[in-house]
Amino acid sequence: MNDFEMMAVIFVVAAGTMVTRFAPFAFFMSKGELPPVLTYLGNVLPAAVMGLLVVYALKDVSPLAYPFGIPEALSLVVTVGIHLWKKHFLVSMFAGTFCYMILVQTVFV
């Protein structure tokens, strides 16, 4: 691809992303209240996404091979502990990720 084609692809992808992000706000802002199904999804999707991330992160862990899942288990404990303490998804996710990276790059090399 030449430079023009690359810029066109980037523009189209960015525009598509922006439309899918802003369309719900534009559509539902004119109305007063959100439909009950959207309110329900807004309440249950954060927990569902976190569950999906946990399953995806732990799917390839083998307790029979070194390091026996220890970094993952410790990072999971840190993530859950900080989330129970602070009740903030981003803080707990970043803390768990940081803990995991430190463990696999320094302790369990």
PDB file of N, CA and C in Angstrom:
ATOM      1  N   MET A   1       0.843  -1.191   0.000  1.00  0.00           N
ATOM      2  CA  MET A   1       0.000   0.000   0.000  1.00  0.00           C
ATOM      3  C   MET A   1       0.882   1.247   0.000  1.00  0.00           C
ATOM      4  N   ASN A   2       0.419   2.240  -0.685  1.00  0.00           N
ATOM      5  CA  ASN A   2       1.158   3.494  -0.665  1.00  0.00           C
ATOM      6  C   ASN A   2       0.676   4.344   0.516  1.00  0.00           C
ATOM      7  N   ASP A   3       1.271   5.510   0.680  1.00  0.00           N
ATOM      8  CA  ASP A   3       0.953   6.362   1.830  1.00  0.00           C
ATOM      9  C   ASP A   3      -0.512   6.798   1.843  1.00  0.00           C
ATOM     10  N   PHE A   4      -1.049   7.144   0.694  1.00  0.00           N
ATOM     11  CA  PHE A   4      -2.442   7.579   0.630  1.00  0.00           C
ATOM     12  C   PHE A   4      -3.397   6.461   1.054  1.00  0.00           C
ATOM     13  N   GLU A   5      -3.142   5.261   0.572  1.00  0.00           N
ATOM     14  CA  GLU A   5      -4.007   4.129   0.924  1.00  0.00           C
ATOM     15  C   GLU A   5      -3.943   3.819   2.420  1.00  0.00           C
ATOM     16  N   MET A   6      -2.745   3.903   2.989  1.00  0.00           N
ATOM     17  CA  MET A   6      -2.611   3.662   4.433  1.00  0.00           C
ATOM     18  C   MET A   6      -3.369   4.703   5.239  1.00  0.00           C
ATOM     19  N   MET A   7      -3.254   5.956   4.827  1.00  0.00           N
ATOM     20  CA  MET A   7      -3.980   7.022   5.527  1.00  0.00           C
ATOM     21  C   MET A   7      -5.491   6.847   5.373  1.00  0.00           C
ATOM     22  N   ALA A   8      -5.937   6.404   4.200  1.00  0.00           N
ATOM     23  CA  ALA A   8      -7.364   6.169   3.977  1.00  0.00           C
ATOM     24  C   ALA A   8      -7.874   5.050   4.881  1.00  0.00           C
ATOM     25  N   VAL A   9      -7.114   3.975   4.999  1.00  0.00           N
ATOM     26  CA  VAL A   9      -7.509   2.868   5.872  1.00  0.00           C
ATOM     27  C   VAL A   9      -7.570   3.331   7.321  1.00  0.00           C
ATOM     28  N   ILE A  10      -6.574   4.068   7.766  1.00  0.00           N
ATOM     29  CA  ILE A  10      -6.564   4.575   9.141  1.00  0.00           C
ATOM     30  C   ILE A  10      -7.765   5.475   9.383  1.00  0.00           C
ATOM     31  N   PHE A  11      -8.080   6.339   8.423  1.00  0.00           N
ATOM     32  CA  PHE A  11      -9.227   7.239   8.560  1.00  0.00           C
ATOM     33  C   PHE A  11     -10.536   6.460   8.639  1.00  0.00           C
ATOM     34  N   VAL A  12     -10.704   5.477   7.772  1.00  0.00           N
ATOM     35  CA  VAL A  12     -11.946   4.692   7.763  1.00  0.00           C
ATOM     36  C   VAL A  12     -12.103   3.915   9.068  1.00  0.00           C
ATOM     37  N   VAL A  13     -11.039   3.314   9.547  1.00  0.00           N
ATOM     38  CA  VAL A  13     -11.108   2.565  10.808  1.00  0.00           C
ATOM     39  C   VAL A  13     -11.398   3.507  11.973  1.00  0.00           C
ATOM     40  N   ALA A  14     -10.746   4.656  12.002  1.00  0.00           N
ATOM     41  CA  ALA A  14     -10.998   5.628  13.072  1.00  0.00           C
ATOM     42  C   ALA A  14     -12.434   6.136  13.007  1.00  0.00           C
ATOM     43  N   ALA A  15     -12.932   6.422  11.828  1.00  0.00           N
ATOM     44  CA  ALA A  15     -14.308   6.901  11.688  1.00  0.00           C
ATOM     45  C   ALA A  15     -15.299   5.827  12.119  1.00  0.00           C
ATOM     46  N   GLY A  16     -15.059   4.593  11.727  1.00  0.00           N
ATOM     47  CA  GLY A  16     -15.930   3.499  12.145  1.00  0.00           C
ATOM     48  C   GLY A  16     -15.943   3.322  13.650  1.00  0.00           C
ATOM     49  N   THR A  17     -14.786   3.430  14.270  1.00  0.00           N
ATOM     50  CA  THR A  17     -14.703   3.323  15.729  1.00  0.00           C
ATOM     51  C   THR A  17     -15.458   4.461  16.392  1.00  0.00           C
ATOM     52  N   MET A  18     -15.277   5.672  15.894  1.00  0.00           N
ATOM     53  CA  MET A  18     -15.959   6.825  16.484  1.00  0.00           C
ATOM     54  C   MET A  18     -17.471   6.714  16.339  1.00  0.00           C
ATOM     55  N   VAL A  19     -17.936   6.252  15.182  1.00  0.00           N
ATOM     56  CA  VAL A  19     -19.384   6.114  14.973  1.00  0.00           C
ATOM     57  C   VAL A  19     -19.968   5.105  15.957  1.00  0.00           C
ATOM     58  N   THR A  20     -19.303   3.966  16.125  1.00  0.00           N
ATOM     59  CA  THR A  20     -19.840   2.961  17.039  1.00  0.00           C
ATOM     60  C   THR A  20     -19.772   3.414  18.491  1.00  0.00           C
ATOM     61  N   ARG A  21     -18.849   4.290  18.827  1.00  0.00           N
ATOM     62  CA  ARG A  21     -18.756   4.806  20.200  1.00  0.00           C
ATOM     63  C   ARG A  21     -19.761   5.914  20.473  1.00  0.00           C
ATOM     64  N   PHE A  22     -19.971   6.807  19.504  1.00  0.00           N
ATOM     65  CA  PHE A  22     -20.807   7.985  19.736  1.00  0.00           C
ATOM     66  C   PHE A  22     -22.269   7.790  19.367  1.00  0.00           C
ATOM     67  N   ALA A  23     -22.583   6.835  18.519  1.00  0.00           N
ATOM     68  CA  ALA A  23     -23.964   6.637  18.071  1.00  0.00           C
ATOM     69  C   ALA A  23     -24.931   6.364  19.221  1.00  0.00           C
ATOM     70  N   PRO A  24     -24.597   5.497  20.174  1.00  0.00           N
ATOM     71  CA  PRO A  24     -25.553   5.274  21.270  1.00  0.00           C
ATOM     72  C   PRO A  24     -25.857   6.550  22.062  1.00  0.00           C
ATOM     73  N   PHE A  25     -24.852   7.381  22.279  1.00  0.00           N
ATOM     74  CA  PHE A  25     -25.091   8.625  23.010  1.00  0.00           C
ATOM     75  C   PHE A  25     -25.994   9.556  22.206  1.00  0.00           C
ATOM     76  N   ALA A  26     -25.747   9.657  20.922  1.00  0.00           N
ATOM     77  CA  ALA A  26     -26.566  10.520  20.078  1.00  0.00           C
ATOM     78  C   ALA A  26     -28.000   9.994  19.999  1.00  0.00           C
ATOM     79  N   PHE A  27     -28.161   8.689  19.954  1.00  0.00           N
ATOM     80  CA  PHE A  27     -29.488   8.100  19.833  1.00  0.00           C
ATOM     81  C   PHE A  27     -30.288   8.213  21.127  1.00  0.00           C
ATOM     82  N   PHE A  28     -29.640   7.941  22.284  1.00  0.00           N
ATOM     83  CA  PHE A  28     -30.373   7.891  23.543  1.00  0.00           C
ATOM     84  C   PHE A  28     -30.403   9.216  24.293  1.00  0.00           C
ATOM     85  N   MET A  29     -29.622  10.202  23.883  1.00  0.00           N
ATOM     86  CA  MET A  29     -29.643  11.490  24.581  1.00  0.00           C
ATOM     87  C   MET A  29     -30.932  12.258  24.301  1.00  0.00           C
ATOM     88  N   SER A  30     -31.535  12.058  23.132  1.00  0.00           N
ATOM     89  CA  SER A  30     -32.764  12.776  22.821  1.00  0.00           C
ATOM     90  C   SER A  30     -33.940  12.253  23.644  1.00  0.00           C
ATOM     91  N   LYS A  31     -33.865  11.005  24.052  1.00  0.00           N
ATOM     92  CA  LYS A  31     -34.917  10.426  24.873  1.00  0.00           C
ATOM     93  C   LYS A  31     -34.566  10.647  26.344  1.00  0.00           C
ATOM     94  N   GLY A  32     -35.541  10.581  27.197  1.00  0.00           N
ATOM     95  CA  GLY A  32     -35.302  10.872  28.608  1.00  0.00           C
ATOM     96  C   GLY A  32     -34.606   9.753  29.360  1.00  0.00           C
ATOM     97  N   GLU A  33     -35.140   8.556  29.274  1.00  0.00           N
ATOM     98  CA  GLU A  33     -34.665   7.455  30.099  1.00  0.00           C
ATOM     99  C   GLU A  33     -34.181   6.320  29.206  1.00  0.00           C
ATOM    100  N   LEU A  34     -33.165   5.585  29.693  1.00  0.00           N
ATOM    101  CA  LEU A  34     -32.658   4.448  28.931  1.00  0.00           C
ATOM    102  C   LEU A  34     -33.636   3.286  29.012  1.00  0.00           C
ATOM    103  N   PRO A  35     -33.697   2.475  27.970  1.00  0.00           N
ATOM    104  CA  PRO A  35     -34.540   1.273  28.032  1.00  0.00           C
ATOM    105  C   PRO A  35     -34.041   0.335  29.143  1.00  0.00           C
ATOM    106  N   PRO A  36     -34.929  -0.417  29.759  1.00  0.00           N
ATOM    107  CA  PRO A  36     -34.534  -1.307  30.858  1.00  0.00           C
ATOM    108  C   PRO A  36     -33.455  -2.314  30.467  1.00  0.00           C
ATOM    109  N   VAL A  37     -33.474  -2.795  29.233  1.00  0.00           N
ATOM    110  CA  VAL A  37     -32.472  -3.772  28.826  1.00  0.00           C
ATOM    111  C   VAL A  37     -31.071  -3.151  28.830  1.00  0.00           C
ATOM    112  N   LEU A  38     -30.950  -1.896  28.450  1.00  0.00           N
ATOM    113  CA  LEU A  38     -29.641  -1.238  28.473  1.00  0.00           C
ATOM    114  C   LEU A  38     -29.176  -0.968  29.896  1.00  0.00           C
ATOM    115  N   THR A  39     -30.095  -0.617  30.761  1.00  0.00           N
ATOM    116  CA  THR A  39     -29.738  -0.436  32.168  1.00  0.00           C
ATOM    117  C   THR A  39     -29.245  -1.751  32.758  1.00  0.00           C
ATOM    118  N   TYR A  40     -29.934  -2.841  32.435  1.00  0.00           N
ATOM    119  CA  TYR A  40     -29.526  -4.164  32.905  1.00  0.00           C
ATOM    120  C   TYR A  40     -28.134  -4.524  32.385  1.00  0.00           C
ATOM    121  N   LEU A  41     -27.904  -4.322  31.092  1.00  0.00           N
ATOM    122  CA  LEU A  41     -26.596  -4.631  30.519  1.00  0.00           C
ATOM    123  C   LEU A  41     -25.500  -3.775  31.142  1.00  0.00           C
ATOM    124  N   GLY A  42     -25.797  -2.527  31.429  1.00  0.00           N
ATOM    125  CA  GLY A  42     -24.814  -1.663  32.078  1.00  0.00           C
ATOM    126  C   GLY A  42     -24.458  -2.138  33.472  1.00  0.00           C
ATOM    127  N   ASN A  43     -25.377  -2.825  34.122  1.00  0.00           N
ATOM    128  CA  ASN A  43     -25.112  -3.341  35.461  1.00  0.00           C
ATOM    129  C   ASN A  43     -24.368  -4.666  35.457  1.00  0.00           C
ATOM    130  N   VAL A  44     -24.644  -5.539  34.486  1.00  0.00           N
ATOM    131  CA  VAL A  44     -24.058  -6.880  34.517  1.00  0.00           C
ATOM    132  C   VAL A  44     -22.813  -7.047  33.651  1.00  0.00           C
ATOM    133  N   LEU A  45     -22.628  -6.228  32.633  1.00  0.00           N
ATOM    134  CA  LEU A  45     -21.492  -6.430  31.732  1.00  0.00           C
ATOM    135  C   LEU A  45     -20.118  -6.220  32.378  1.00  0.00           C
ATOM    136  N   PRO A  46     -19.926  -5.251  33.278  1.00  0.00           N
ATOM    137  CA  PRO A  46     -18.591  -5.142  33.877  1.00  0.00           C
ATOM    138  C   PRO A  46     -18.141  -6.418  34.591  1.00  0.00           C
ATOM    139  N   ALA A  47     -19.026  -7.030  35.346  1.00  0.00           N
ATOM    140  CA  ALA A  47     -18.658  -8.284  36.029  1.00  0.00           C
ATOM    141  C   ALA A  47     -18.447  -9.409  35.026  1.00  0.00           C
ATOM    142  N   ALA A  48     -19.252  -9.457  33.977  1.00  0.00           N
ATOM    143  CA  ALA A  48     -19.088 -10.495  32.957  1.00  0.00           C
ATOM    144  C   ALA A  48     -17.759 -10.340  32.230  1.00  0.00           C
ATOM    145  N   VAL A  49     -17.379  -9.120  31.935  1.00  0.00           N
ATOM    146  CA  VAL A  49     -16.100  -8.876  31.256  1.00  0.00           C
ATOM    147  C   VAL A  49     -14.942  -9.282  32.163  1.00  0.00           C
ATOM    148  N   MET A  50     -15.038  -8.973  33.441  1.00  0.00           N
ATOM    149  CA  MET A  50     -13.971  -9.370  34.369  1.00  0.00           C
ATOM    150  C   MET A  50     -13.873 -10.893  34.455  1.00  0.00           C
ATOM    151  N   GLY A  51     -15.006 -11.566  34.507  1.00  0.00           N
ATOM    152  CA  GLY A  51     -14.992 -13.033  34.521  1.00  0.00           C
ATOM    153  C   GLY A  51     -14.367 -13.604  33.261  1.00  0.00           C
ATOM    154  N   LEU A  52     -14.704 -13.019  32.131  1.00  0.00           N
ATOM    155  CA  LEU A  52     -14.127 -13.455  30.862  1.00  0.00           C
ATOM    156  C   LEU A  52     -12.618 -13.237  30.842  1.00  0.00           C
ATOM    157  N   LEU A  53     -12.162 -12.110  31.363  1.00  0.00           N
ATOM    158  CA  LEU A  53     -10.721 -11.847  31.426  1.00  0.00           C
ATOM    159  C   LEU A  53     -10.003 -12.843  32.330  1.00  0.00           C
ATOM    160  N   VAL A  54     -10.611 -13.220  33.440  1.00  0.00           N
ATOM    161  CA  VAL A  54      -9.997 -14.197  34.346  1.00  0.00           C
ATOM    162  C   VAL A  54      -9.882 -15.551  33.654  1.00  0.00           C
ATOM    163  N   VAL A  55     -10.952 -15.994  32.999  1.00  0.00           N
ATOM    164  CA  VAL A  55     -10.916 -17.271  32.289  1.00  0.00           C
ATOM    165  C   VAL A  55      -9.860 -17.236  31.194  1.00  0.00           C
ATOM    166  N   TYR A  56      -9.814 -16.169  30.426  1.00  0.00           N
ATOM    167  CA  TYR A  56      -8.836 -16.061  29.342  1.00  0.00           C
ATOM    168  C   TYR A  56      -7.411 -16.032  29.878  1.00  0.00           C
ATOM    169  N   ALA A  57      -7.200 -15.338  30.982  1.00  0.00           N
ATOM    170  CA  ALA A  57      -5.845 -15.229  31.535  1.00  0.00           C
ATOM    171  C   ALA A  57      -5.353 -16.543  32.132  1.00  0.00           C
ATOM    172  N   LEU A  58      -6.255 -17.360  32.629  1.00  0.00           N
ATOM    173  CA  LEU A  58      -5.835 -18.582  33.317  1.00  0.00           C
ATOM    174  C   LEU A  58      -6.021 -19.847  32.486  1.00  0.00           C
ATOM    175  N   LYS A  59      -6.457 -19.735  31.250  1.00  0.00           N
ATOM    176  CA  LYS A  59      -6.766 -20.921  30.457  1.00  0.00           C
ATOM    177  C   LYS A  59      -5.542 -21.770  30.115  1.00  0.00           C
ATOM    178  N   ASP A  60      -4.379 -21.181  30.004  1.00  0.00           N
ATOM    179  CA  ASP A  60      -3.188 -21.932  29.616  1.00  0.00           C
ATOM    180  C   ASP A  60      -2.251 -22.228  30.786  1.00  0.00           C
ATOM    181  N   VAL A  61      -2.689 -22.004  32.003  1.00  0.00           N
ATOM    182  CA  VAL A  61      -1.842 -22.242  33.168  1.00  0.00           C
ATOM    183  C   VAL A  61      -1.789 -23.742  33.437  1.00  0.00           C
ATOM    184  N   SER A  62      -0.585 -24.258  33.584  1.00  0.00           N
ATOM    185  CA  SER A  62      -0.411 -25.677  33.877  1.00  0.00           C
ATOM    186  C   SER A  62       0.153 -25.844  35.287  1.00  0.00           C
ATOM    187  N   PRO A  63      -0.634 -26.434  36.190  1.00  0.00           N
ATOM    188  CA  PRO A  63      -0.127 -26.642  37.551  1.00  0.00           C
ATOM    189  C   PRO A  63       0.896 -27.769  37.638  1.00  0.00           C
ATOM    190  N   LEU A  64       1.149 -28.469  36.537  1.00  0.00           N
ATOM    191  CA  LEU A  64       2.090 -29.588  36.550  1.00  0.00           C
ATOM    192  C   LEU A  64       3.464 -29.234  35.999  1.00  0.00           C
ATOM    193  N   ALA A  65       3.624 -28.016  35.494  1.00  0.00           N
ATOM    194  CA  ALA A  65       4.901 -27.605  34.909  1.00  0.00           C
ATOM    195  C   ALA A  65       5.353 -26.305  35.570  1.00  0.00           C
ATOM    196  N   TYR A  66       6.680 -26.134  35.645  1.00  0.00           N
ATOM    197  CA  TYR A  66       7.235 -24.926  36.249  1.00  0.00           C
ATOM    198  C   TYR A  66       6.709 -23.706  35.535  1.00  0.00           C
ATOM    199  N   PRO A  67       6.305 -22.711  36.202  1.00  0.00           N
ATOM    200  CA  PRO A  67       6.317 -22.375  37.629  1.00  0.00           C
ATOM    201  C   PRO A  67       5.047 -22.778  38.389  1.00  0.00           C
ATOM    202  N   PHE A  68       4.316 -23.761  37.870  1.00  0.00           N
ATOM    203  CA  PHE A  68       3.181 -24.374  38.558  1.00  0.00           C
ATOM    204  C   PHE A  68       2.015 -23.418  38.805  1.00  0.00           C
ATOM    205  N   GLY A  69       1.915 -22.346  38.052  1.00  0.00           N
ATOM    206  CA  GLY A  69       0.819 -21.402  38.207  1.00  0.00           C
ATOM    207  C   GLY A  69       0.960 -20.464  39.389  1.00  0.00           C
ATOM    208  N   ILE A  70       2.133 -20.447  40.010  1.00  0.00           N
ATOM    209  CA  ILE A  70       2.333 -19.603  41.190  1.00  0.00           C
ATOM    210  C   ILE A  70       2.242 -18.111  40.854  1.00  0.00           C
ATOM    211  N   PRO A  71       2.889 -17.619  39.782  1.00  0.00           N
ATOM    212  CA  PRO A  71       2.744 -16.184  39.479  1.00  0.00           C
ATOM    213  C   PRO A  71       1.300 -15.781  39.204  1.00  0.00           C
ATOM    214  N   GLU A  72       0.588 -16.635  38.492  1.00  0.00           N
ATOM    215  CA  GLU A  72      -0.812 -16.337  38.197  1.00  0.00           C
ATOM    216  C   GLU A  72      -1.659 -16.316  39.459  1.00  0.00           C
ATOM    217  N   ALA A  73      -1.429 -17.302  40.340  1.00  0.00           N
ATOM    218  CA  ALA A  73      -2.202 -17.375  41.584  1.00  0.00           C
ATOM    219  C   ALA A  73      -1.916 -16.179  42.485  1.00  0.00           C
ATOM    220  N   LEU A  74      -0.647 -15.816  42.620  1.00  0.00           N
ATOM    221  CA  LEU A  74      -0.306 -14.657  43.448  1.00  0.00           C
ATOM    222  C   LEU A  74      -0.881 -13.367  42.870  1.00  0.00           C
ATOM    223  N   SER A  75      -0.811 -13.229  41.571  1.00  0.00           N
ATOM    224  CA  SER A  75      -1.356 -12.028  40.930  1.00  0.00           C
ATOM    225  C   SER A  75      -2.879 -11.973  41.058  1.00  0.00           C
ATOM    226  N   LEU A  76      -3.517 -13.120  40.981  1.00  0.00           N
ATOM    227  CA  LEU A  76      -4.968 -13.173  41.167  1.00  0.00           C
ATOM    228  C   LEU A  76      -5.353 -12.770  42.589  1.00  0.00           C
ATOM    229  N   VAL A  77      -4.571 -13.240  43.568  1.00  0.00           N
ATOM    230  CA  VAL A  77      -4.829 -12.861  44.960  1.00  0.00           C
ATOM    231  C   VAL A  77      -4.642 -11.354  45.144  1.00  0.00           C
ATOM    232  N   VAL A  78      -3.593 -10.792  44.555  1.00  0.00           N
ATOM    233  CA  VAL A  78      -3.362  -9.351  44.643  1.00  0.00           C
ATOM    234  C   VAL A  78      -4.514  -8.587  43.996  1.00  0.00           C
ATOM    235  N   THR A  79      -4.941  -9.034  42.812  1.00  0.00           N
ATOM    236  CA  THR A  79      -6.027  -8.356  42.108  1.00  0.00           C
ATOM    237  C   THR A  79      -7.321  -8.386  42.917  1.00  0.00           C
ATOM    238  N   VAL A  80      -7.687  -9.552  43.417  1.00  0.00           N
ATOM    239  CA  VAL A  80      -8.924  -9.675  44.203  1.00  0.00           C
ATOM    240  C   VAL A  80      -8.812  -8.879  45.492  1.00  0.00           C
ATOM    241  N   GLY A  81      -7.665  -8.970  46.165  1.00  0.00           N
ATOM    242  CA  GLY A  81      -7.482  -8.244  47.421  1.00  0.00           C
ATOM    243  C   GLY A  81      -7.585  -6.741  47.249  1.00  0.00           C
ATOM    244  N   ILE A  82      -6.939  -6.218  46.237  1.00  0.00           N
ATOM    245  CA  ILE A  82      -7.000  -4.772  46.008  1.00  0.00           C
ATOM    246  C   ILE A  82      -8.400  -4.358  45.564  1.00  0.00           C
ATOM    247  N   HIS A  83      -9.071  -5.221  44.802  1.00  0.00           N
ATOM    248  CA  HIS A  83     -10.425  -4.859  44.396  1.00  0.00           C
ATOM    249  C   HIS A  83     -11.379  -4.856  45.597  1.00  0.00           C
ATOM    250  N   LEU A  84     -11.240  -5.821  46.486  1.00  0.00           N
ATOM    251  CA  LEU A  84     -12.086  -5.824  47.683  1.00  0.00           C
ATOM    252  C   LEU A  84     -11.790  -4.629  48.573  1.00  0.00           C
ATOM    253  N   TRP A  85     -10.528  -4.187  48.569  1.00  0.00           N
ATOM    254  CA  TRP A  85     -10.126  -3.058  49.410  1.00  0.00           C
ATOM    255  C   TRP A  85     -10.562  -1.727  48.800  1.00  0.00           C
ATOM    256  N   LYS A  86     -10.239  -1.509  47.518  1.00  0.00           N
ATOM    257  CA  LYS A  86     -10.463  -0.217  46.874  1.00  0.00           C
ATOM    258  C   LYS A  86     -11.759  -0.140  46.077  1.00  0.00           C
ATOM    259  N   LYS A  87     -12.309  -1.287  45.649  1.00  0.00           N
ATOM    260  CA  LYS A  87     -13.531  -1.325  44.833  1.00  0.00           C
ATOM    261  C   LYS A  87     -13.385  -0.527  43.531  1.00  0.00           C
ATOM    262  N   HIS A  88     -12.246  -0.692  42.875  1.00  0.00           N
ATOM    263  CA  HIS A  88     -11.978   0.040  41.637  1.00  0.00           C
ATOM    264  C   HIS A  88     -11.357  -0.934  40.629  1.00  0.00           C
ATOM    265  N   PHE A  89     -12.082  -1.185  39.507  1.00  0.00           N
ATOM    266  CA  PHE A  89     -11.635  -2.168  38.527  1.00  0.00           C
ATOM    267  C   PHE A  89     -10.257  -1.853  37.957  1.00  0.00           C
ATOM    268  N   LEU A  90     -10.037  -0.622  37.555  1.00  0.00           N
ATOM    269  CA  LEU A  90      -8.770  -0.294  36.901  1.00  0.00           C
ATOM    270  C   LEU A  90      -7.582  -0.423  37.839  1.00  0.00           C
ATOM    271  N   VAL A  91      -7.734   0.041  39.076  1.00  0.00           N
ATOM    272  CA  VAL A  91      -6.627  -0.053  40.039  1.00  0.00           C
ATOM    273  C   VAL A  91      -6.288  -1.513  40.285  1.00  0.00           C
ATOM    274  N   SER A  92      -7.292  -2.348  40.482  1.00  0.00           N
ATOM    275  CA  SER A  92      -7.024  -3.757  40.761  1.00  0.00           C
ATOM    276  C   SER A  92      -6.436  -4.465  39.542  1.00  0.00           C
ATOM    277  N   MET A  93      -6.905  -4.145  38.340  1.00  0.00           N
ATOM    278  CA  MET A  93      -6.345  -4.780  37.143  1.00  0.00           C
ATOM    279  C   MET A  93      -4.892  -4.372  36.923  1.00  0.00           C
ATOM    280  N   PHE A  94      -4.594  -3.084  37.067  1.00  0.00           N
ATOM    281  CA  PHE A  94      -3.218  -2.637  36.892  1.00  0.00           C
ATOM    282  C   PHE A  94      -2.299  -3.218  37.960  1.00  0.00           C
ATOM    283  N   ALA A  95      -2.767  -3.301  39.189  1.00  0.00           N
ATOM    284  CA  ALA A  95      -1.944  -3.865  40.267  1.00  0.00           C
ATOM    285  C   ALA A  95      -1.670  -5.344  40.010  1.00  0.00           C
ATOM    286  N   GLY A  96      -2.682  -6.093  39.602  1.00  0.00           N
ATOM    287  CA  GLY A  96      -2.484  -7.510  39.299  1.00  0.00           C
ATOM    288  C   GLY A  96      -1.553  -7.720  38.125  1.00  0.00           C
ATOM    289  N   THR A  97      -1.703  -6.904  37.087  1.00  0.00           N
ATOM    290  CA  THR A  97      -0.824  -7.006  35.927  1.00  0.00           C
ATOM    291  C   THR A  97       0.609  -6.658  36.301  1.00  0.00           C
ATOM    292  N   PHE A  98       0.783  -5.610  37.084  1.00  0.00           N
ATOM    293  CA  PHE A  98       2.120  -5.210  37.528  1.00  0.00           C
ATOM    294  C   PHE A  98       2.759  -6.324  38.363  1.00  0.00           C
ATOM    295  N   CYS A  99       1.993  -6.886  39.288  1.00  0.00           N
ATOM    296  CA  CYS A  99       2.492  -7.985  40.117  1.00  0.00           C
ATOM    297  C   CYS A  99       2.919  -9.170  39.249  1.00  0.00           C
ATOM    298  N   TYR A 100       2.090  -9.540  38.284  1.00  0.00           N
ATOM    299  CA  TYR A 100       2.408 -10.657  37.404  1.00  0.00           C
ATOM    300  C   TYR A 100       3.678 -10.393  36.606  1.00  0.00           C
ATOM    301  N   MET A 101       3.814  -9.188  36.055  1.00  0.00           N
ATOM    302  CA  MET A 101       4.991  -8.869  35.252  1.00  0.00           C
ATOM    303  C   MET A 101       6.267  -8.916  36.097  1.00  0.00           C
ATOM    304  N   ILE A 102       6.186  -8.394  37.309  1.00  0.00           N
ATOM    305  CA  ILE A 102       7.356  -8.442  38.193  1.00  0.00           C
ATOM    306  C   ILE A 102       7.724  -9.885  38.517  1.00  0.00           C
ATOM    307  N   LEU A 103       6.726 -10.689  38.815  1.00  0.00           N
ATOM    308  CA  LEU A 103       6.997 -12.094  39.168  1.00  0.00           C
ATOM    309  C   LEU A 103       7.599 -12.887  38.009  1.00  0.00           C
ATOM    310  N   VAL A 104       7.041 -12.765  36.814  1.00  0.00           N
ATOM    311  CA  VAL A 104       7.532 -13.596  35.701  1.00  0.00           C
ATOM    312  C   VAL A 104       8.838 -13.076  35.121  1.00  0.00           C
ATOM    313  N   GLN A 105       9.160 -11.794  35.350  1.00  0.00           N
ATOM    314  CA  GLN A 105      10.402 -11.268  34.780  1.00  0.00           C
ATOM    315  C   GLN A 105      11.547 -11.219  35.766  1.00  0.00           C
ATOM    316  N   THR A 106      11.270 -11.357  37.048  1.00  0.00           N
ATOM    317  CA  THR A 106      12.360 -11.312  38.027  1.00  0.00           C
ATOM    318  C   THR A 106      12.441 -12.547  38.908  1.00  0.00           C
ATOM    319  N   VAL A 107      11.310 -13.026  39.392  1.00  0.00           N
ATOM    320  CA  VAL A 107      11.339 -14.144  40.359  1.00  0.00           C
ATOM    321  C   VAL A 107      11.317 -15.490  39.650  1.00  0.00           C
ATOM    322  N   PHE A 108      10.382 -15.708  38.747  1.00  0.00           N
ATOM    323  CA  PHE A 108      10.214 -16.988  38.069  1.00  0.00           C
ATOM    324  C   PHE A 108      10.779 -16.927  36.658  1.00  0.00           C
ATOM    325  N   VAL A 109      12.042 -16.676  36.540  1.00  0.00           N
ATOM    326  CA  VAL A 109      12.682 -16.546  35.225  1.00  0.00           C
ATOM    327  C   VAL A 109      13.025 -17.895  34.681  1.00  0.00           C
TER     328      VAL A 109
END
